[in-house]
Amino acid sequence: SGEGAAGEGPGGISFTKEQQWAVDFMVRQPDKRAVVEY
């Protein structure tokens, strides 16, 4: 459209993909599981 486009836009803490790929990096969703404290 000639009216522009909507998207996420930058925000929060910036940590680029190249930086993520270069280090030991992992993102996971929290699990639902039984937990026992010791």
All heavy atoms as atom14 arrays in JSON, in Angstrom:
{
  "sequence": "SGEGAAGEGPGGISFTKEQQWAVDFMVRQPDKRAVVEY",
  "atom14_mask": [
    [1, 1, 1, 1, 1, 1, 0, 0, 0, 0, 0, 0, 0, 0],
    [1, 1, 1, 1, 0, 0, 0, 0, 0, 0, 0, 0, 0, 0],
    [1, 1, 1, 1, 1, 1, 1, 1, 1, 0, 0, 0, 0, 0],
    [1, 1, 1, 1, 0, 0, 0, 0, 0, 0, 0, 0, 0, 0],
    [1, 1, 1, 1, 1, 0, 0, 0, 0, 0, 0, 0, 0, 0],
    [1, 1, 1, 1, 1, 0, 0, 0, 0, 0, 0, 0, 0, 0],
    [1, 1, 1, 1, 0, 0, 0, 0, 0, 0, 0, 0, 0, 0],
    [1, 1, 1, 1, 1, 1, 1, 1, 1, 0, 0, 0, 0, 0],
    [1, 1, 1, 1, 0, 0, 0, 0, 0, 0, 0, 0, 0, 0],
    [1, 1, 1, 1, 1, 1, 1, 0, 0, 0, 0, 0, 0, 0],
    [1, 1, 1, 1, 0, 0, 0, 0, 0, 0, 0, 0, 0, 0],
    [1, 1, 1, 1, 0, 0, 0, 0, 0, 0, 0, 0, 0, 0],
    [1, 1, 1, 1, 1, 1, 1, 1, 0, 0, 0, 0, 0, 0],
    [1, 1, 1, 1, 1, 1, 0, 0, 0, 0, 0, 0, 0, 0],
    [1, 1, 1, 1, 1, 1, 1, 1, 1, 1, 1, 0, 0, 0],
    [1, 1, 1, 1, 1, 1, 1, 0, 0, 0, 0, 0, 0, 0],
    [1, 1, 1, 1, 1, 1, 1, 1, 1, 0, 0, 0, 0, 0],
    [1, 1, 1, 1, 1, 1, 1, 1, 1, 0, 0, 0, 0, 0],
    [1, 1, 1, 1, 1, 1, 1, 1, 1, 0, 0, 0, 0, 0],
    [1, 1, 1, 1, 1, 1, 1, 1, 1, 0, 0, 0, 0, 0],
    [1, 1, 1, 1, 1, 1, 1, 1, 1, 1, 1, 1, 1, 1],
    [1, 1, 1, 1, 1, 0, 0, 0, 0, 0, 0, 0, 0, 0],
    [1, 1, 1, 1, 1, 1, 1, 0, 0, 0, 0, 0, 0, 0],
    [1, 1, 1, 1, 1, 1, 1, 1, 0, 0, 0, 0, 0, 0],
    [1, 1, 1, 1, 1, 1, 1, 1, 1, 1, 1, 0, 0, 0],
    [1, 1, 1, 1, 1, 1, 1, 1, 0, 0, 0, 0, 0, 0],
    [1, 1, 1, 1, 1, 1, 1, 0, 0, 0, 0, 0, 0, 0],
    [1, 1, 1, 1, 1, 1, 1, 1, 1, 1, 1, 0, 0, 0],
    [1, 1, 1, 1, 1, 1, 1, 1, 1, 0, 0, 0, 0, 0],
    [1, 1, 1, 1, 1, 1, 1, 0, 0, 0, 0, 0, 0, 0],
    [1, 1, 1, 1, 1, 1, 1, 1, 0, 0, 0, 0, 0, 0],
    [1, 1, 1, 1, 1, 1, 1, 1, 1, 0, 0, 0, 0, 0],
    [1, 1, 1, 1, 1, 1, 1, 1, 1, 1, 1, 0, 0, 0],
    [1, 1, 1, 1, 1, 0, 0, 0, 0, 0, 0, 0, 0, 0],
    [1, 1, 1, 1, 1, 1, 1, 0, 0, 0, 0, 0, 0, 0],
    [1, 1, 1, 1, 1, 1, 1, 0, 0, 0, 0, 0, 0, 0],
    [1, 1, 1, 1, 1, 1, 1, 1, 1, 0, 0, 0, 0, 0],
    [1, 1, 1, 1, 1, 1, 1, 1, 1, 1, 1, 1, 0, 0]
  ],
  "atom14_positions": [
    [[0.85, -1.19, 0.0], [0.0, 0.0, 0.0], [0.88, 1.23, 0.0], [2.02, 1.22, 0.46], [-0.92, 0.0, 1.22], [-1.58, 1.23, 1.38], [0.0, 0.0, 0.0], [0.0, 0.0, 0.0], [0.0, 0.0, 0.0], [0.0, 0.0, 0.0], [0.0, 0.0, 0.0], [0.0, 0.0, 0.0], [0.0, 0.0, 0.0], [0.0, 0.0, 0.0]],
    [[0.35, 2.29, -0.48], [1.09, 3.54, -0.43], [1.0, 4.23, 0.9], [1.61, 5.28, 1.11], [0.0, 0.0, 0.0], [0.0, 0.0, 0.0], [0.0, 0.0, 0.0], [0.0, 0.0, 0.0], [0.0, 0.0, 0.0], [0.0, 0.0, 0.0], [0.0, 0.0, 0.0], [0.0, 0.0, 0.0], [0.0, 0.0, 0.0], [0.0, 0.0, 0.0]],
    [[0.23, 3.62, 1.81], [0.02, 4.24, 3.12], [1.05, 3.81, 4.15], [0.96, 4.17, 5.31], [-1.39, 3.88, 3.64], [-2.52, 4.33, 2.74], [-2.53, 5.84, 2.56], [-2.18, 6.55, 3.54], [-2.88, 6.3, 1.47], [0.0, 0.0, 0.0], [0.0, 0.0, 0.0], [0.0, 0.0, 0.0], [0.0, 0.0, 0.0], [0.0, 0.0, 0.0]],
    [[2.02, 2.98, 3.77], [2.99, 2.49, 4.73], [2.62, 1.09, 5.2], [1.7, 0.48, 4.68], [0.0, 0.0, 0.0], [0.0, 0.0, 0.0], [0.0, 0.0, 0.0], [0.0, 0.0, 0.0], [0.0, 0.0, 0.0], [0.0, 0.0, 0.0], [0.0, 0.0, 0.0], [0.0, 0.0, 0.0], [0.0, 0.0, 0.0], [0.0, 0.0, 0.0]],
    [[3.31, 0.56, 6.14], [3.1, -0.81, 6.58], [3.24, -0.91, 8.08], [3.99, -0.16, 8.7], [4.09, -1.74, 5.89], [0.0, 0.0, 0.0], [0.0, 0.0, 0.0], [0.0, 0.0, 0.0], [0.0, 0.0, 0.0], [0.0, 0.0, 0.0], [0.0, 0.0, 0.0], [0.0, 0.0, 0.0], [0.0, 0.0, 0.0], [0.0, 0.0, 0.0]],
    [[2.51, -1.85, 8.66], [2.57, -2.07, 10.1], [3.44, -3.27, 10.4], [3.48, -4.23, 9.64], [1.17, -2.29, 10.66], [0.0, 0.0, 0.0], [0.0, 0.0, 0.0], [0.0, 0.0, 0.0], [0.0, 0.0, 0.0], [0.0, 0.0, 0.0], [0.0, 0.0, 0.0], [0.0, 0.0, 0.0], [0.0, 0.0, 0.0], [0.0, 0.0, 0.0]],
    [[4.15, -3.24, 11.51], [4.98, -4.38, 11.92], [5.31, -4.27, 13.38], [4.75, -3.45, 14.12], [0.0, 0.0, 0.0], [0.0, 0.0, 0.0], [0.0, 0.0, 0.0], [0.0, 0.0, 0.0], [0.0, 0.0, 0.0], [0.0, 0.0, 0.0], [0.0, 0.0, 0.0], [0.0, 0.0, 0.0], [0.0, 0.0, 0.0], [0.0, 0.0, 0.0]],
    [[6.25, -5.08, 13.82], [6.63, -5.09, 15.23], [7.32, -3.79, 15.61], [7.05, -3.19, 16.63], [7.55, -6.28, 15.52], [6.87, -7.62, 15.35], [7.86, -8.74, 15.29], [9.07, -8.47, 15.18], [7.44, -9.92, 15.33], [0.0, 0.0, 0.0], [0.0, 0.0, 0.0], [0.0, 0.0, 0.0], [0.0, 0.0, 0.0], [0.0, 0.0, 0.0]],
    [[8.27, -3.41, 14.78], [9.08, -2.24, 15.11], [10.08, -2.57, 16.19], [9.88, -3.49, 16.97], [0.0, 0.0, 0.0], [0.0, 0.0, 0.0], [0.0, 0.0, 0.0], [0.0, 0.0, 0.0], [0.0, 0.0, 0.0], [0.0, 0.0, 0.0], [0.0, 0.0, 0.0], [0.0, 0.0, 0.0], [0.0, 0.0, 0.0], [0.0, 0.0, 0.0]],
    [[11.19, -1.84, 16.25], [12.2, -2.11, 17.27], [11.67, -1.76, 18.66], [10.84, -0.88, 18.82], [13.36, -1.21, 16.85], [12.72, -0.1, 16.1], [11.55, -0.7, 15.39], [0.0, 0.0, 0.0], [0.0, 0.0, 0.0], [0.0, 0.0, 0.0], [0.0, 0.0, 0.0], [0.0, 0.0, 0.0], [0.0, 0.0, 0.0], [0.0, 0.0, 0.0]],
    [[12.17, -2.43, 19.66], [11.76, -2.15, 21.02], [12.44, -3.1, 21.98], [12.96, -4.13, 21.58], [0.0, 0.0, 0.0], [0.0, 0.0, 0.0], [0.0, 0.0, 0.0], [0.0, 0.0, 0.0], [0.0, 0.0, 0.0], [0.0, 0.0, 0.0], [0.0, 0.0, 0.0], [0.0, 0.0, 0.0], [0.0, 0.0, 0.0], [0.0, 0.0, 0.0]],
    [[12.44, -2.78, 23.27], [13.06, -3.63, 24.26], [14.57, -3.62, 24.14], [15.19, -2.67, 23.66], [0.0, 0.0, 0.0], [0.0, 0.0, 0.0], [0.0, 0.0, 0.0], [0.0, 0.0, 0.0], [0.0, 0.0, 0.0], [0.0, 0.0, 0.0], [0.0, 0.0, 0.0], [0.0, 0.0, 0.0], [0.0, 0.0, 0.0], [0.0, 0.0, 0.0]],
    [[15.17, -4.72, 24.56], [16.63, -4.87, 24.53], [17.0, -5.48, 23.18], [16.5, -6.53, 22.81], [17.1, -5.78, 25.66], [16.66, -5.22, 27.01], [18.61, -5.96, 25.62], [16.8, -6.21, 28.15], [0.0, 0.0, 0.0], [0.0, 0.0, 0.0], [0.0, 0.0, 0.0], [0.0, 0.0, 0.0], [0.0, 0.0, 0.0], [0.0, 0.0, 0.0]],
    [[17.88, -4.82, 22.45], [18.28, -5.31, 21.14], [19.47, -6.26, 21.27], [20.5, -5.91, 21.84], [18.66, -4.14, 20.22], [19.11, -4.62, 18.97], [0.0, 0.0, 0.0], [0.0, 0.0, 0.0], [0.0, 0.0, 0.0], [0.0, 0.0, 0.0], [0.0, 0.0, 0.0], [0.0, 0.0, 0.0], [0.0, 0.0, 0.0], [0.0, 0.0, 0.0]],
    [[19.29, -7.48, 20.72], [20.36, -8.47, 20.68], [20.19, -9.2, 19.36], [19.28, -10.01, 19.18], [20.24, -9.44, 21.87], [21.44, -10.32, 22.07], [22.71, -9.78, 22.23], [21.31, -11.7, 22.1], [23.81, -10.59, 22.43], [22.41, -12.53, 22.28], [23.67, -11.96, 22.45], [0.0, 0.0, 0.0], [0.0, 0.0, 0.0], [0.0, 0.0, 0.0]],
    [[21.05, -8.88, 18.4], [20.83, -9.28, 17.02], [21.01, -10.78, 16.81], [21.6, -11.48, 17.63], [21.81, -8.53, 16.1], [23.13, -8.99, 16.36], [21.72, -7.03, 16.31], [0.0, 0.0, 0.0], [0.0, 0.0, 0.0], [0.0, 0.0, 0.0], [0.0, 0.0, 0.0], [0.0, 0.0, 0.0], [0.0, 0.0, 0.0], [0.0, 0.0, 0.0]],
    [[20.5, -11.26, 15.67], [20.61, -12.68, 15.35], [22.07, -13.09, 15.22], [22.46, -14.17, 15.65], [19.86, -13.02, 14.06], [18.38, -12.68, 14.07], [17.65, -13.19, 15.28], [17.62, -14.72, 15.37], [16.84, -15.17, 16.55], [0.0, 0.0, 0.0], [0.0, 0.0, 0.0], [0.0, 0.0, 0.0], [0.0, 0.0, 0.0], [0.0, 0.0, 0.0]],
    [[22.89, -12.23, 14.61], [24.3, -12.56, 14.47], [24.96, -12.72, 15.83], [25.81, -13.6, 16.02], [25.03, -11.47, 13.66], [24.63, -11.42, 12.2], [23.44, -10.5, 11.95], [22.71, -10.17, 12.9], [23.24, -10.13, 10.8], [0.0, 0.0, 0.0], [0.0, 0.0, 0.0], [0.0, 0.0, 0.0], [0.0, 0.0, 0.0], [0.0, 0.0, 0.0]],
    [[24.58, -11.89, 16.78], [25.11, -12.02, 18.13], [24.62, -13.3, 18.8], [25.37, -13.99, 19.48], [24.71, -10.8, 18.96], [25.38, -9.51, 18.5], [24.78, -8.29, 19.16], [23.57, -8.24, 19.39], [25.61, -7.3, 19.45], [0.0, 0.0, 0.0], [0.0, 0.0, 0.0], [0.0, 0.0, 0.0], [0.0, 0.0, 0.0], [0.0, 0.0, 0.0]],
    [[23.36, -13.63, 18.61], [22.8, -14.86, 19.18], [23.51, -16.08, 18.61], [23.83, -17.03, 19.34], [21.3, -14.93, 18.89], [20.48, -13.82, 19.53], [19.04, -13.84, 19.06], [18.46, -14.88, 18.8], [18.44, -12.65, 18.94], [0.0, 0.0, 0.0], [0.0, 0.0, 0.0], [0.0, 0.0, 0.0], [0.0, 0.0, 0.0], [0.0, 0.0, 0.0]],
    [[23.73, -16.09, 17.3], [24.36, -17.24, 16.66], [25.82, -17.43, 17.09], [26.34, -18.54, 17.04], [24.31, -17.09, 15.13], [22.92, -17.11, 14.57], [21.79, -17.57, 15.16], [22.52, -16.61, 13.29], [20.7, -17.41, 14.34], [21.12, -16.83, 13.16], [23.19, -16.02, 12.21], [20.4, -16.47, 12.03], [22.47, -15.67, 11.08], [21.09, -15.89, 10.99]],
    [[26.47, -16.35, 17.5], [27.9, -16.4, 17.78], [28.22, -16.92, 19.18], [29.39, -17.2, 19.48], [28.52, -15.01, 17.6], [0.0, 0.0, 0.0], [0.0, 0.0, 0.0], [0.0, 0.0, 0.0], [0.0, 0.0, 0.0], [0.0, 0.0, 0.0], [0.0, 0.0, 0.0], [0.0, 0.0, 0.0], [0.0, 0.0, 0.0], [0.0, 0.0, 0.0]],
    [[27.21, -17.05, 20.06], [27.47, -17.45, 21.44], [26.61, -18.68, 21.77], [25.76, -19.11, 20.98], [27.15, -16.3, 22.42], [28.06, -15.11, 22.16], [25.68, -15.89, 22.34], [0.0, 0.0, 0.0], [0.0, 0.0, 0.0], [0.0, 0.0, 0.0], [0.0, 0.0, 0.0], [0.0, 0.0, 0.0], [0.0, 0.0, 0.0], [0.0, 0.0, 0.0]],
    [[26.87, -19.24, 22.95], [26.06, -20.35, 23.44], [24.73, -19.78, 23.91], [24.63, -19.21, 25.0], [26.79, -21.06, 24.59], [26.03, -22.28, 25.09], [25.17, -22.78, 24.34], [26.33, -22.73, 26.21], [0.0, 0.0, 0.0], [0.0, 0.0, 0.0], [0.0, 0.0, 0.0], [0.0, 0.0, 0.0], [0.0, 0.0, 0.0], [0.0, 0.0, 0.0]],
    [[23.7, -19.94, 23.09], [22.44, -19.23, 23.3], [21.28, -20.19, 23.11], [21.3, -21.05, 22.22], [22.34, -18.08, 22.29], [21.25, -17.09, 22.6], [21.39, -16.18, 23.63], [20.09, -17.06, 21.84], [20.39, -15.26, 23.91], [19.08, -16.15, 22.11], [19.23, -15.25, 23.15], [0.0, 0.0, 0.0], [0.0, 0.0, 0.0], [0.0, 0.0, 0.0]],
    [[20.27, -20.09, 23.97], [19.1, -20.96, 23.84], [17.87, -20.24, 24.37], [17.93, -19.55, 25.4], [19.31, -22.26, 24.62], [18.17, -23.26, 24.49], [17.8, -23.72, 22.78], [19.33, -24.58, 22.34], [0.0, 0.0, 0.0], [0.0, 0.0, 0.0], [0.0, 0.0, 0.0], [0.0, 0.0, 0.0], [0.0, 0.0, 0.0], [0.0, 0.0, 0.0]],
    [[16.77, -20.4, 23.65], [15.48, -19.86, 24.06], [14.5, -21.02, 24.12], [14.41, -21.81, 23.18], [14.98, -18.78, 23.07], [13.57, -18.32, 23.46], [15.93, -17.59, 23.05], [0.0, 0.0, 0.0], [0.0, 0.0, 0.0], [0.0, 0.0, 0.0], [0.0, 0.0, 0.0], [0.0, 0.0, 0.0], [0.0, 0.0, 0.0], [0.0, 0.0, 0.0]],
    [[13.77, -21.12, 25.22], [12.8, -22.19, 25.39], [11.55, -21.65, 26.09], [11.63, -20.7, 26.87], [13.38, -23.34, 26.23], [14.39, -24.19, 25.49], [13.7, -25.11, 24.49], [14.63, -26.01, 23.83], [15.2, -25.78, 22.67], [14.96, -24.63, 22.03], [16.0, -26.66, 22.11], [0.0, 0.0, 0.0], [0.0, 0.0, 0.0], [0.0, 0.0, 0.0]],
    [[10.43, -22.3, 25.84], [9.21, -21.96, 26.56], [9.19, -22.73, 27.89], [9.69, -23.86, 27.96], [7.99, -22.31, 25.72], [7.85, -21.43, 24.48], [6.71, -21.87, 23.58], [6.76, -22.92, 22.97], [5.66, -21.05, 23.52], [0.0, 0.0, 0.0], [0.0, 0.0, 0.0], [0.0, 0.0, 0.0], [0.0, 0.0, 0.0], [0.0, 0.0, 0.0]],
    [[8.63, -22.15, 28.94], [8.55, -22.86, 30.22], [7.8, -24.17, 30.08], [6.91, -24.31, 29.24], [7.8, -21.88, 31.13], [8.03, -20.53, 30.51], [8.08, -20.78, 29.03], [0.0, 0.0, 0.0], [0.0, 0.0, 0.0], [0.0, 0.0, 0.0], [0.0, 0.0, 0.0], [0.0, 0.0, 0.0], [0.0, 0.0, 0.0], [0.0, 0.0, 0.0]],
    [[8.18, -25.14, 30.91], [7.54, -26.46, 30.9], [6.5, -26.55, 32.01], [6.6, -25.88, 33.04], [8.58, -27.57, 31.14], [9.54, -27.71, 29.97], [9.11, -27.44, 28.84], [10.69, -28.1, 30.2], [0.0, 0.0, 0.0], [0.0, 0.0, 0.0], [0.0, 0.0, 0.0], [0.0, 0.0, 0.0], [0.0, 0.0, 0.0], [0.0, 0.0, 0.0]],
    [[5.52, -27.42, 31.78], [4.6, -27.83, 32.85], [5.02, -29.24, 33.26], [4.97, -30.17, 32.46], [3.16, -27.84, 32.34], [2.45, -26.51, 32.4], [1.92, -26.26, 33.79], [0.99, -25.04, 33.79], [0.44, -24.79, 35.14], [0.0, 0.0, 0.0], [0.0, 0.0, 0.0], [0.0, 0.0, 0.0], [0.0, 0.0, 0.0], [0.0, 0.0, 0.0]],
    [[5.46, -29.4, 34.49], [5.96, -30.69, 34.91], [5.94, -30.78, 36.43], [5.79, -29.77, 37.14], [7.4, -30.89, 34.41], [8.34, -29.8, 34.87], [9.69, -29.89, 34.22], [10.44, -31.03, 34.7], [11.69, -31.3, 34.34], [12.29, -30.5, 33.47], [12.34, -32.32, 34.82], [0.0, 0.0, 0.0], [0.0, 0.0, 0.0], [0.0, 0.0, 0.0]],
    [[6.07, -32.01, 36.92], [6.2, -32.21, 38.36], [7.57, -31.72, 38.81], [8.56, -31.9, 38.1], [6.01, -33.68, 38.72], [0.0, 0.0, 0.0], [0.0, 0.0, 0.0], [0.0, 0.0, 0.0], [0.0, 0.0, 0.0], [0.0, 0.0, 0.0], [0.0, 0.0, 0.0], [0.0, 0.0, 0.0], [0.0, 0.0, 0.0], [0.0, 0.0, 0.0]],
    [[7.62, -31.11, 39.97], [8.9, -30.62, 40.49], [9.0, -31.01, 41.96], [8.02, -30.94, 42.7], [9.03, -29.09, 40.3], [7.93, -28.34, 41.05], [10.4, -28.6, 40.77], [0.0, 0.0, 0.0], [0.0, 0.0, 0.0], [0.0, 0.0, 0.0], [0.0, 0.0, 0.0], [0.0, 0.0, 0.0], [0.0, 0.0, 0.0], [0.0, 0.0, 0.0]],
    [[10.18, -31.45, 42.33], [10.47, -31.83, 43.72], [11.65, -31.0, 44.2], [12.69, -30.95, 43.52], [10.78, -33.33, 43.85], [11.08, -33.69, 45.31], [9.64, -34.18, 43.33], [0.0, 0.0, 0.0], [0.0, 0.0, 0.0], [0.0, 0.0, 0.0], [0.0, 0.0, 0.0], [0.0, 0.0, 0.0], [0.0, 0.0, 0.0], [0.0, 0.0, 0.0]],
    [[11.49, -30.35, 45.32], [12.58, -29.54, 45.88], [13.39, -30.4, 46.85], [12.83, -31.17, 47.64], [12.03, -28.32, 46.6], [13.13, -27.39, 47.12], [12.56, -26.11, 47.69], [11.88, -26.18, 48.73], [12.8, -25.05, 47.1], [0.0, 0.0, 0.0], [0.0, 0.0, 0.0], [0.0, 0.0, 0.0], [0.0, 0.0, 0.0], [0.0, 0.0, 0.0]],
    [[14.7, -30.27, 46.78], [15.6, -31.04, 47.63], [16.47, -30.11, 48.47], [16.72, -28.97, 48.1], [16.52, -31.93, 46.78], [15.82, -33.06, 46.06], [15.29, -32.87, 44.78], [15.69, -34.32, 46.65], [14.64, -33.9, 44.12], [15.06, -35.36, 45.98], [14.54, -35.14, 44.72], [13.91, -36.17, 44.07], [0.0, 0.0, 0.0], [0.0, 0.0, 0.0]]
  ]
}
